[in-house]
Amino acid sequence: MNCKYCGYPIPKAAAICPHCKRMLTQEQLKQRKEMNGYMTPYAERIEKLQYEMNKNNIEKNEQHINIKPYALILIVLLIIILIVWIF
C-alpha cells in the first residue's frame, strides 16, 4: 500500500507514512485490515481516534446549526425594538 499523500510505500505494520509522517486515512486502514485480516493495535487506536474526531466534528456542526435560528430570531427582535424605539 502506498501513502495517499506522497505515494511512498507504507510498511504493513505502519499506520503513519515513514516519508511524510501523515496518518493513514480511515479508508486505507480499512483496506489494510481487509488485506491482512487483522490490524495492529497501533492502527486500531488511530482508527478509533479518527472516528472520535469525526464524531466530535459532526456534533459541533450540529450545535452550530441549532444556534443559528435563535440568533436570527434575536436579531429580528432587536431590529423591531430599535425601529419602535426610534419612532
Protein backbone atom coordinates (compact mmCIF):
# COMPACT_ATOMS: atom_id res chain seq x y z
CA MET A 1 0.00 0.00 0.00
CA ASN A 2 1.21 3.49 -0.83
CA CYS A 3 0.65 6.76 1.04
CA LYS A 4 -2.32 8.72 -0.28
CA TYR A 5 -0.45 11.99 0.16
CA CYS A 6 3.11 11.35 -1.09
CA GLY A 7 2.88 7.94 -2.80
CA TYR A 8 5.66 6.42 -0.66
CA PRO A 9 5.27 2.67 0.13
CA ILE A 10 3.99 2.10 3.67
CA PRO A 11 5.17 -0.94 5.66
CA LYS A 12 2.48 -3.47 6.64
CA ALA A 13 2.53 -2.68 10.36
CA ALA A 14 2.72 1.12 9.99
CA ALA A 15 -0.20 3.48 10.50
CA ILE A 16 1.87 6.57 9.67
CA CYS A 17 3.79 7.18 6.46
CA PRO A 18 7.53 6.98 7.20
CA HIS A 19 8.21 9.57 4.48
CA CYS A 20 5.70 12.42 5.01
CA LYS A 21 4.67 11.47 8.60
CA ARG A 22 0.93 11.68 7.87
CA MET A 23 -1.57 9.22 9.30
CA LEU A 24 -3.30 6.78 7.02
CA THR A 25 -6.89 7.67 6.18
CA GLN A 26 -9.77 5.60 7.53
CA GLU A 27 -10.26 4.09 4.09
CA GLN A 28 -6.63 3.00 3.97
CA LEU A 29 -6.84 1.50 7.47
CA LYS A 30 -9.94 -0.47 6.43
CA GLN A 31 -8.19 -1.66 3.26
CA ARG A 32 -5.18 -2.74 5.30
CA LYS A 33 -7.44 -4.65 7.69
CA GLU A 34 -9.16 -6.41 4.78
CA MET A 35 -5.83 -7.27 3.13
CA ASN A 36 -4.10 -8.57 6.26
CA GLY A 37 -7.14 -9.93 8.07
CA TYR A 38 -6.11 -8.01 11.18
CA MET A 39 -4.99 -4.60 12.29
CA THR A 40 -2.07 -3.77 14.57
CA PRO A 41 -3.03 -2.37 17.99
CA TYR A 42 -1.46 0.97 16.99
CA ALA A 43 -3.52 1.14 13.79
CA GLU A 44 -6.67 0.19 15.74
CA ARG A 45 -6.05 3.03 18.17
CA ILE A 46 -5.55 5.52 15.32
CA GLU A 47 -8.77 4.32 13.69
CA LYS A 48 -10.66 4.85 16.96
CA LEU A 49 -9.15 8.33 17.40
CA GLN A 50 -10.09 9.30 13.84
CA TYR A 51 -13.63 8.04 14.45
CA GLU A 52 -13.90 10.06 17.68
CA MET A 53 -12.55 13.18 15.95
CA ASN A 54 -15.09 12.83 13.13
CA LYS A 55 -17.87 12.22 15.66
CA ASN A 56 -16.89 15.34 17.62
CA ASN A 57 -16.79 17.43 14.43
CA ILE A 58 -20.28 16.25 13.48
CA GLU A 59 -21.59 17.13 16.96
CA LYS A 60 -20.01 20.60 16.77
CA ASN A 61 -21.57 21.19 13.36
CA GLU A 62 -24.99 20.16 14.71
CA GLN A 63 -24.61 22.58 17.62
CA HIS A 64 -23.80 25.43 15.23
CA ILE A 65 -26.83 24.59 13.12
CA ASN A 66 -29.10 24.67 16.18
CA ILE A 67 -27.80 28.07 17.32
CA LYS A 68 -28.39 29.86 14.01
CA PRO A 69 -32.24 30.03 14.18
CA TYR A 70 -32.10 31.50 17.69
CA ALA A 71 -29.56 34.09 16.62
CA LEU A 72 -31.73 35.08 13.66
CA ILE A 73 -34.80 35.46 15.88
CA LEU A 74 -32.82 37.57 18.33
CA ILE A 75 -31.54 39.86 15.58
CA VAL A 76 -35.04 40.34 14.15
CA LEU A 77 -36.41 41.18 17.60
CA LEU A 78 -33.62 43.68 18.22
CA ILE A 79 -34.31 45.38 14.88
CA ILE A 80 -38.04 45.60 15.67
CA ILE A 81 -37.33 47.07 19.12
CA LEU A 82 -34.91 49.58 17.62
CA ILE A 83 -37.43 50.67 14.96
CA VAL A 84 -40.19 51.07 17.59
CA TRP A 85 -37.85 53.00 19.89
CA ILE A 86 -36.74 55.40 17.13
CA PHE A 87 -40.29 56.22 16.02
